[in-house]
Amino acid sequence: MEEVEFKKVHDPYLQPKMITSTNSDSPLRRVWLPGPVIIGAGPSGLAAAACLKNHGVPSMILEQTSCIASLWQLKTYDRLRLHLPKQFCQLPLMPFPQDFPTYPTKEQFLSYLESYAKNFDLKPVFNATVVSAEFDGECRFWRVKTKATEYVSQWLIVASGENADEVVPRFEGMDEFNGPIVHTSSYKSGDGFENKRVLVVGCGNSGMEVCLDLCNSHAFPSLVVRDSLHVLPQEMFGISTFGLSMWLLKWFPVRIVDHLLLFISRCLLGDTSVLGLNRPKIGPLELKGISGKTPVLDVGTLAKIRSGDIKVYPAIKRLECNIVEFVDGRKENFDAIILATGYRSNVPTWLKDTNLFSNKDGFPKKKLQEGSKGERGLYAVGFTKRGLLGSSIDACRVAKEISRQYSEGKRECLQRA
């Protein structure tokens, strides 16, 4: 099929299979898809594909790595567990096995995702790095290009995730530091750090847990805390803090719930400011809603900080050999530095000509309720900063909207035929 013919096709629903063609002017193989293209085979992409299939809509998942859930499989530490109870982390249409613990391990979560993909017969195209995705205004379709293939579809679902690329900050003298400097994406366990002084930069859930893991591996970890943060117990009176929050929000305003959570946290954890962990003036749930900043759920790190096994320092000023100088003037020797500095979206590097995503942070510009409607067939799943629960809600909404359009378009095509 030549390019001129491609622009004349209007009834993709009438094709029983994908149409594969080659443009004589381009080495790219062209694949016409009757359903959406989904970018990313993580939990968000899998959930979107499963929900679409449940509505009778086919889809194609493109994944740049060789496996599903590559962040979980390739870039997480061994001791990782889900921080929220499993009922808040399961994907649509398929709950976790009943024999799984409340907080499944990394291995259990991955086995669940593998079963999920098998159950819905989801078969992503692996090693398919998207180099560009652009809306063709003349034919009104999306052109999604990998190195070897161009996929053409009426709908594009961005599910590549909030955590696609590592954030690696630069410090003065970084190249002069004698020890290893690694991102948490490369950290698996405390093995190899025994009796070593390790500085962990970043005090989110990952930074806190890596410090605890190092402690348990007989290392001497320290934690850099640059900003204020909320630390809450993972559970309150035997109930998950997240679950309790969701229940309270049904009855009380956010600020009232925040006051209750902070009061209980102070009773259970004490005053965290004496440990160098100052709380923001805004409550944890209100702050999450405004900035997307997630409170830390303590799994034992605070006790180690309180006992002195983990030391807390402010921001780094500069590095020199094995010496780290902090902004308060203190200087300490360290053998290694681990960057728990998070990830960023990579959407701006390949998504072209759209106003839905910000070029600054790679997140949708619109709120969830607006963003779920899409723009020229463009949708986002998993960019609400609400974790796996947000991905599931997005997937259900997007699948319902696309299935409506798909059914209407298919009906019109059949009438014309």
Protein backbone atom coordinates (compact mmCIF):
# COMPACT_ATOMS: atom_id res chain seq x y z
CA MET A 1 0.00 0.00 0.00
CA GLU A 2 1.56 3.27 -1.08
CA GLU A 3 1.35 6.50 0.86
CA VAL A 4 -1.32 7.99 -1.40
CA GLU A 5 -3.56 4.97 -0.78
CA PHE A 6 -3.00 5.16 2.98
CA LYS A 7 -4.51 8.63 3.16
CA LYS A 8 -7.66 7.46 1.39
CA VAL A 9 -8.52 4.62 3.76
CA HIS A 10 -11.41 5.52 6.08
CA ASP A 11 -12.80 2.18 7.27
CA PRO A 12 -10.13 0.43 9.39
CA TYR A 13 -12.85 -1.42 11.31
CA LEU A 14 -13.70 -3.43 8.19
CA GLN A 15 -10.27 -5.03 8.17
CA PRO A 16 -10.36 -8.41 9.92
CA LYS A 17 -6.61 -8.22 10.62
CA MET A 18 -3.84 -5.68 10.85
CA ILE A 19 -2.77 -4.36 7.46
CA THR A 20 0.97 -4.50 7.00
CA SER A 21 2.47 -2.42 4.25
CA THR A 22 5.70 -0.79 3.18
CA ASN A 23 6.10 2.71 1.85
CA SER A 24 8.46 2.72 -1.10
CA ASP A 25 10.07 5.93 0.17
CA SER A 26 10.77 4.59 3.66
CA PRO A 27 12.40 1.44 5.10
CA LEU A 28 9.79 1.41 7.87
CA ARG A 29 7.24 -1.39 7.91
CA ARG A 30 3.75 0.07 8.37
CA VAL A 31 1.14 -1.68 10.51
CA TRP A 32 -2.45 -0.45 10.52
CA LEU A 33 -4.20 -1.18 13.82
CA PRO A 34 -7.98 -1.33 14.27
CA GLY A 35 -7.59 -0.53 18.00
CA PRO A 36 -5.35 1.67 20.16
CA VAL A 37 -1.58 1.70 20.41
CA ILE A 38 -0.49 1.48 24.06
CA ILE A 39 2.98 2.71 24.97
CA GLY A 40 4.39 0.77 27.93
CA ALA A 41 3.89 -2.76 29.29
CA GLY A 42 3.94 -1.83 32.95
CA PRO A 43 0.91 -2.18 35.22
CA SER A 44 -0.78 0.82 33.55
CA GLY A 45 -0.38 -0.52 30.03
CA LEU A 46 -1.47 -4.02 31.00
CA ALA A 47 -4.53 -2.66 32.81
CA ALA A 48 -5.53 -0.52 29.82
CA ALA A 49 -5.17 -3.45 27.40
CA ALA A 50 -7.16 -5.80 29.67
CA CYS A 51 -9.99 -3.30 30.09
CA LEU A 52 -10.11 -2.68 26.34
CA LYS A 53 -10.24 -6.42 25.65
CA ASN A 54 -13.06 -6.74 28.17
CA HIS A 55 -14.98 -4.24 26.01
CA GLY A 56 -14.13 -6.14 22.82
CA VAL A 57 -11.54 -3.63 21.61
CA PRO A 58 -8.17 -4.97 20.35
CA SER A 59 -4.96 -3.12 21.17
CA MET A 60 -1.23 -3.28 20.61
CA ILE A 61 1.24 -2.75 23.50
CA LEU A 62 4.71 -1.46 22.62
CA GLU A 63 7.42 -1.99 25.25
CA GLN A 64 10.98 -0.72 24.95
CA THR A 65 12.51 -3.47 27.12
CA SER A 66 12.35 -7.26 26.88
CA CYS A 67 9.80 -7.84 29.66
CA ILE A 68 6.62 -6.56 31.24
CA ALA A 69 6.87 -4.27 34.29
CA SER A 70 10.52 -3.51 33.55
CA LEU A 71 10.78 -0.97 36.39
CA TRP A 72 9.76 -3.64 38.89
CA GLN A 73 11.80 -6.40 37.31
CA LEU A 74 15.00 -4.54 36.52
CA LYS A 75 15.23 -1.43 38.69
CA THR A 76 13.96 -2.26 42.17
CA TYR A 77 15.71 -3.59 45.27
CA ASP A 78 15.20 -7.13 46.51
CA ARG A 79 13.43 -6.37 49.79
CA LEU A 80 10.75 -4.24 48.17
CA ARG A 81 7.13 -4.88 49.09
CA LEU A 82 4.01 -3.02 48.11
CA HIS A 83 3.67 -0.13 50.54
CA LEU A 84 -0.13 -0.22 50.37
CA PRO A 85 -2.43 -3.18 51.07
CA LYS A 86 -3.01 -5.44 48.08
CA GLN A 87 -6.67 -4.45 47.64
CA PHE A 88 -5.53 -0.94 46.71
CA CYS A 89 -2.91 -2.22 44.24
CA GLN A 90 -4.70 -4.88 42.20
CA LEU A 91 -5.44 -4.24 38.55
CA PRO A 92 -8.97 -4.19 37.10
CA LEU A 93 -10.89 -7.43 36.55
CA MET A 94 -8.47 -9.68 38.46
CA PRO A 95 -7.79 -9.55 42.22
CA PHE A 96 -4.63 -10.78 43.92
CA PRO A 97 -4.61 -14.45 45.01
CA GLN A 98 -6.25 -14.83 48.41
CA ASP A 99 -3.15 -16.47 49.89
CA PHE A 100 -0.98 -13.43 49.16
CA PRO A 101 -0.04 -11.40 52.27
CA THR A 102 -1.47 -7.94 52.87
CA TYR A 103 1.72 -6.38 51.49
CA PRO A 104 2.92 -8.64 48.64
CA THR A 105 6.64 -8.97 47.97
CA LYS A 106 8.27 -7.84 44.75
CA GLU A 107 8.35 -11.45 43.51
CA GLN A 108 4.68 -11.99 44.34
CA PHE A 109 3.65 -8.79 42.60
CA LEU A 110 5.61 -9.76 39.48
CA SER A 111 4.04 -13.21 39.45
CA TYR A 112 0.63 -11.53 39.70
CA LEU A 113 1.43 -9.33 36.69
CA GLU A 114 2.64 -12.33 34.67
CA SER A 115 -0.60 -14.16 35.51
CA TYR A 116 -2.57 -11.04 34.61
CA ALA A 117 -0.96 -10.82 31.18
CA LYS A 118 -1.50 -14.54 30.58
CA ASN A 119 -5.11 -14.44 31.79
CA PHE A 120 -6.04 -11.69 29.31
CA ASP A 121 -3.73 -13.04 26.59
CA LEU A 122 -1.75 -9.80 26.46
CA LYS A 123 1.25 -10.08 24.17
CA PRO A 124 3.28 -6.87 24.05
CA VAL A 125 5.76 -6.19 21.28
CA PHE A 126 9.04 -6.17 23.20
CA ASN A 127 12.25 -4.27 22.39
CA ALA A 128 10.09 -1.73 20.56
CA THR A 129 11.41 1.66 21.63
CA VAL A 130 9.14 4.45 20.44
CA VAL A 131 11.19 7.17 18.77
CA SER A 132 8.25 9.38 17.85
CA ALA A 133 4.47 9.54 18.06
CA GLU A 134 2.76 12.22 16.01
CA PHE A 135 -0.80 12.99 15.00
CA ASP A 136 -1.32 13.19 11.24
CA GLY A 137 -3.87 15.94 10.80
CA GLU A 138 -4.58 15.04 7.18
CA CYS A 139 -5.59 11.41 7.75
CA ARG A 140 -6.65 11.98 11.40
CA PHE A 141 -4.59 9.07 12.74
CA TRP A 142 -1.61 8.67 15.05
CA ARG A 143 1.70 7.56 13.58
CA VAL A 144 3.82 5.79 16.18
CA LYS A 145 7.32 4.98 15.02
CA THR A 146 9.86 2.53 16.41
CA LYS A 147 13.21 1.95 14.73
CA ALA A 148 11.77 -0.60 12.30
CA THR A 149 8.00 -0.13 12.25
CA GLU A 150 5.37 2.58 12.00
CA TYR A 151 2.08 1.79 13.75
CA VAL A 152 -0.99 3.71 12.60
CA SER A 153 -4.02 4.00 14.86
CA GLN A 154 -6.94 6.26 15.65
CA TRP A 155 -6.05 6.15 19.37
CA LEU A 156 -2.83 6.48 21.33
CA ILE A 157 -2.65 5.55 25.02
CA VAL A 158 0.42 6.81 26.86
CA ALA A 159 1.17 4.35 29.68
CA SER A 160 4.94 4.66 29.81
CA GLY A 161 4.73 5.75 33.44
CA GLU A 162 5.73 8.53 35.76
CA ASN A 163 8.99 6.67 36.50
CA ALA A 164 10.55 6.02 33.10
CA ASP A 165 14.02 7.61 33.41
CA GLU A 166 16.27 7.99 36.44
CA VAL A 167 16.81 11.44 37.91
CA VAL A 168 20.53 11.83 38.61
CA PRO A 169 21.45 15.17 40.22
CA ARG A 170 24.85 16.78 39.81
CA PHE A 171 26.96 17.91 42.76
CA GLU A 172 30.09 20.02 42.78
CA GLY A 173 33.10 17.69 42.84
CA MET A 174 31.02 14.67 41.85
CA ASP A 175 33.69 13.44 39.43
CA GLU A 176 36.31 13.63 42.18
CA PHE A 177 34.52 11.28 44.58
CA ASN A 178 36.59 8.10 44.96
CA GLY A 179 33.76 5.73 45.85
CA PRO A 180 30.87 4.44 43.75
CA ILE A 181 27.86 6.69 43.13
CA VAL A 182 24.85 4.65 42.05
CA HIS A 183 21.16 5.28 41.56
CA THR A 184 18.70 3.09 43.44
CA SER A 185 17.73 1.62 40.07
CA SER A 186 21.04 -0.28 40.28
CA TYR A 187 20.78 -1.13 43.98
CA LYS A 188 19.60 -4.65 44.81
CA SER A 189 20.65 -5.27 48.41
CA GLY A 190 23.15 -4.32 51.10
CA ASP A 191 25.47 -7.14 50.06
CA GLY A 192 28.90 -5.66 49.40
CA PHE A 193 28.33 -2.66 51.68
CA GLU A 194 29.09 -4.38 54.98
CA ASN A 195 31.10 -2.13 57.36
CA LYS A 196 31.03 0.70 54.79
CA ARG A 197 29.82 4.23 55.35
CA VAL A 198 27.07 4.83 52.80
CA LEU A 199 25.28 8.11 52.14
CA VAL A 200 21.74 7.78 50.77
CA VAL A 201 20.53 10.91 49.00
CA GLY A 202 16.75 11.20 49.04
CA CYS A 203 14.24 10.61 51.82
CA GLY A 204 11.21 9.19 50.04
CA ASN A 205 9.97 5.67 50.61
CA SER A 206 12.85 4.21 48.58
CA GLY A 207 15.56 6.19 50.35
CA MET A 208 14.18 5.31 53.77
CA GLU A 209 13.90 1.63 52.92
CA VAL A 210 17.36 1.41 51.34
CA CYS A 211 18.79 2.92 54.54
CA LEU A 212 17.01 0.27 56.58
CA ASP A 213 18.26 -2.46 54.24
CA LEU A 214 21.84 -1.20 54.57
CA CYS A 215 21.48 -1.14 58.34
CA ASN A 216 20.33 -4.73 58.36
CA SER A 217 23.33 -5.62 56.18
CA HIS A 218 25.74 -4.22 58.80
CA ALA A 219 26.60 -1.08 56.86
CA PHE A 220 26.69 2.43 58.36
CA PRO A 221 24.11 4.42 56.40
CA SER A 222 23.33 8.11 56.55
CA LEU A 223 20.40 9.91 54.98
CA VAL A 224 20.31 13.26 53.20
CA VAL A 225 17.07 15.12 53.95
CA ARG A 226 16.88 18.32 51.93
CA ASP A 227 13.23 19.24 52.40
CA SER A 228 10.45 18.83 54.90
CA LEU A 229 8.46 15.61 54.67
CA HIS A 230 5.61 13.72 56.29
CA VAL A 231 6.40 10.35 57.82
CA LEU A 232 3.38 8.27 58.81
CA PRO A 233 3.19 4.78 60.29
CA GLN A 234 2.33 2.16 57.70
CA GLU A 235 -0.53 1.05 59.93
CA MET A 236 -2.56 2.68 62.69
CA PHE A 237 -4.14 0.38 65.25
CA GLY A 238 -3.83 -2.59 62.91
CA ILE A 239 -5.42 -0.76 59.95
CA SER A 240 -3.41 0.45 56.98
CA THR A 241 -2.92 4.21 57.17
CA PHE A 242 -3.92 4.53 53.52
CA GLY A 243 -7.11 2.51 54.02
CA LEU A 244 -7.99 4.49 57.14
CA SER A 245 -7.43 7.73 55.22
CA MET A 246 -9.72 6.65 52.38
CA TRP A 247 -12.45 5.72 54.86
CA LEU A 248 -12.15 8.98 56.81
CA LEU A 249 -12.30 11.03 53.62
CA LYS A 250 -15.80 9.67 53.00
CA TRP A 251 -16.97 11.48 56.12
CA PHE A 252 -14.65 14.43 56.77
CA PRO A 253 -12.85 17.18 54.81
CA VAL A 254 -9.19 16.65 53.87
CA ARG A 255 -7.87 19.04 56.52
CA ILE A 256 -9.77 17.31 59.32
CA VAL A 257 -8.44 13.94 58.20
CA ASP A 258 -4.92 15.38 58.04
CA HIS A 259 -5.20 16.64 61.62
CA LEU A 260 -6.33 13.20 62.78
CA LEU A 261 -3.52 11.43 60.92
CA LEU A 262 -0.87 13.77 62.30
CA PHE A 263 -2.21 13.48 65.85
CA ILE A 264 -2.11 9.67 65.70
CA SER A 265 1.31 9.73 64.03
CA ARG A 266 2.76 11.90 66.79
CA CYS A 267 1.36 9.49 69.38
CA LEU A 268 2.86 6.47 67.60
CA LEU A 269 6.07 7.90 66.14
CA GLY A 270 6.82 10.87 68.38
CA ASP A 271 8.06 14.24 67.19
CA THR A 272 9.98 13.55 63.97
CA SER A 273 11.52 17.04 63.97
CA VAL A 274 13.91 16.02 66.76
CA LEU A 275 15.27 13.42 64.32
CA GLY A 276 15.92 16.01 61.62
CA LEU A 277 12.69 15.23 59.79
CA ASN A 278 10.63 18.41 59.80
CA ARG A 279 7.03 18.21 58.70
CA PRO A 280 5.57 20.56 56.05
CA LYS A 281 3.03 23.11 57.21
CA ILE A 282 0.44 21.53 54.91
CA GLY A 283 -1.01 18.17 55.95
CA PRO A 284 -0.01 14.94 54.15
CA LEU A 285 -3.20 14.40 52.15
CA GLU A 286 -3.61 18.05 51.21
CA LEU A 287 0.05 18.20 50.16
CA LYS A 288 -0.37 15.05 48.08
CA GLY A 289 -3.32 16.60 46.29
CA ILE A 290 -1.50 19.86 45.60
CA SER A 291 1.98 18.68 44.66
CA GLY A 292 1.74 14.92 44.26
CA LYS A 293 4.34 14.47 47.00
CA THR A 294 3.66 11.16 48.73
CA PRO A 295 4.12 10.82 52.50
CA VAL A 296 6.65 8.25 53.66
CA LEU A 297 5.13 5.15 55.26
CA ASP A 298 7.54 4.01 57.93
CA VAL A 299 8.52 0.32 57.91
CA GLY A 300 11.15 0.54 60.64
CA THR A 301 13.58 3.23 59.49
CA LEU A 302 12.57 5.78 62.15
CA ALA A 303 13.58 3.41 64.94
CA LYS A 304 17.04 3.11 63.38
CA ILE A 305 17.33 6.90 63.09
CA ARG A 306 16.22 7.28 66.70
CA SER A 307 18.82 4.75 67.88
CA GLY A 308 21.59 6.48 65.94
CA ASP A 309 22.16 3.59 63.53
CA ILE A 310 21.12 5.90 60.70
CA LYS A 311 22.35 9.49 60.76
CA VAL A 312 20.51 12.39 59.13
CA TYR A 313 22.21 15.20 57.21
CA PRO A 314 20.99 18.26 55.27
CA ALA A 315 21.65 18.91 51.57
CA ILE A 316 25.06 18.29 49.99
CA LYS A 317 27.21 21.29 49.22
CA ARG A 318 30.16 19.59 47.50
CA LEU A 319 32.12 16.34 47.20
CA GLU A 320 35.87 15.88 47.41
CA CYS A 321 37.64 12.50 47.28
CA ASN A 322 35.74 10.56 49.95
CA ILE A 323 34.62 13.66 51.83
CA VAL A 324 31.10 15.06 51.61
CA GLU A 325 30.53 18.63 52.76
CA PHE A 326 26.96 19.53 53.74
CA VAL A 327 25.27 22.92 53.61
CA ASP A 328 25.49 23.26 57.41
CA GLY A 329 29.30 23.09 57.22
CA ARG A 330 29.74 19.52 58.46
CA LYS A 331 32.17 17.27 56.60
CA GLU A 332 32.09 13.47 56.73
CA ASN A 333 33.86 10.58 55.03
CA PHE A 334 31.81 8.11 53.00
CA ASP A 335 32.71 5.01 51.01
CA ALA A 336 29.73 5.11 48.66
CA ILE A 337 26.75 7.24 47.68
CA ILE A 338 23.34 5.90 46.67
CA LEU A 339 20.99 8.27 44.87
CA ALA A 340 17.37 7.68 45.88
CA THR A 341 16.43 10.67 43.76
CA GLY A 342 13.55 9.14 41.86
CA TYR A 343 12.50 9.08 38.24
CA ARG A 344 10.87 11.24 35.62
CA SER A 345 8.56 10.77 32.67
CA ASN A 346 10.21 10.50 29.24
CA VAL A 347 7.09 11.40 27.23
CA PRO A 348 8.43 14.77 25.93
CA THR A 349 11.31 12.97 24.19
CA TRP A 350 9.03 11.10 21.77
CA LEU A 351 5.50 12.53 21.83
CA LYS A 352 5.26 15.28 19.22
CA ASP A 353 2.91 18.20 18.70
CA THR A 354 0.47 17.90 21.57
CA ASN A 355 -0.82 20.18 24.28
CA LEU A 356 -1.90 17.38 26.61
CA PHE A 357 1.54 16.71 28.12
CA SER A 358 3.89 19.25 29.66
CA ASN A 359 7.36 19.49 28.15
CA LYS A 360 8.66 20.38 31.60
CA ASP A 361 7.80 17.24 33.59
CA GLY A 362 6.18 14.94 31.04
CA PHE A 363 2.84 14.84 32.88
CA PRO A 364 -0.61 15.60 31.47
CA LYS A 365 -1.51 19.26 31.83
CA LYS A 366 -5.17 18.61 32.52
CA LYS A 367 -6.77 17.14 35.62
CA LEU A 368 -7.82 13.49 35.67
CA GLN A 369 -11.48 14.18 34.94
CA GLU A 370 -10.58 16.29 31.91
CA GLY A 371 -7.58 14.30 30.75
CA SER A 372 -9.53 11.06 30.56
CA LYS A 373 -11.50 12.50 27.63
CA GLY A 374 -8.39 12.54 25.47
CA GLU A 375 -7.29 14.92 22.76
CA ARG A 376 -7.55 13.80 19.13
CA GLY A 377 -7.62 10.21 20.35
CA LEU A 378 -4.76 10.72 22.83
CA TYR A 379 -5.14 9.31 26.35
CA ALA A 380 -3.00 8.94 29.46
CA VAL A 381 -3.05 6.08 31.97
CA GLY A 382 -0.98 6.13 35.15
CA PHE A 383 -0.02 9.80 35.40
CA THR A 384 -2.22 10.90 38.30
CA LYS A 385 0.43 10.41 41.03
CA ARG A 386 -1.97 8.02 42.72
CA GLY A 387 0.02 4.83 42.21
CA LEU A 388 -1.53 1.57 41.08
CA LEU A 389 -4.98 2.60 42.24
CA GLY A 390 -4.84 5.64 39.96
CA SER A 391 -3.70 3.47 37.04
CA SER A 392 -6.67 1.14 37.48
CA ILE A 393 -9.14 4.03 37.59
CA ASP A 394 -7.57 5.58 34.49
CA ALA A 395 -7.60 2.29 32.59
CA CYS A 396 -11.29 1.69 33.23
CA ARG A 397 -12.29 5.22 32.21
CA VAL A 398 -10.16 5.30 29.07
CA ALA A 399 -11.26 1.84 27.95
CA LYS A 400 -14.93 2.76 28.37
CA GLU A 401 -14.51 5.95 26.34
CA ILE A 402 -12.54 4.30 23.52
CA SER A 403 -14.92 1.33 23.36
CA ARG A 404 -17.81 3.74 22.81
CA GLN A 405 -15.99 5.42 19.93
CA TYR A 406 -14.86 2.06 18.57
CA SER A 407 -18.39 0.65 18.54
CA GLU A 408 -19.82 3.77 16.90
CA GLY A 409 -17.12 3.80 14.25
CA LYS A 410 -17.48 0.11 13.52
CA ARG A 411 -21.26 0.50 13.18
CA GLU A 412 -20.83 3.36 10.71
CA CYS A 413 -18.31 1.40 8.67
CA LEU A 414 -20.60 -1.61 8.43
CA GLN A 415 -23.49 0.62 7.31
CA ARG A 416 -21.33 2.14 4.57
CA ALA A 417 -20.19 -1.32 3.48
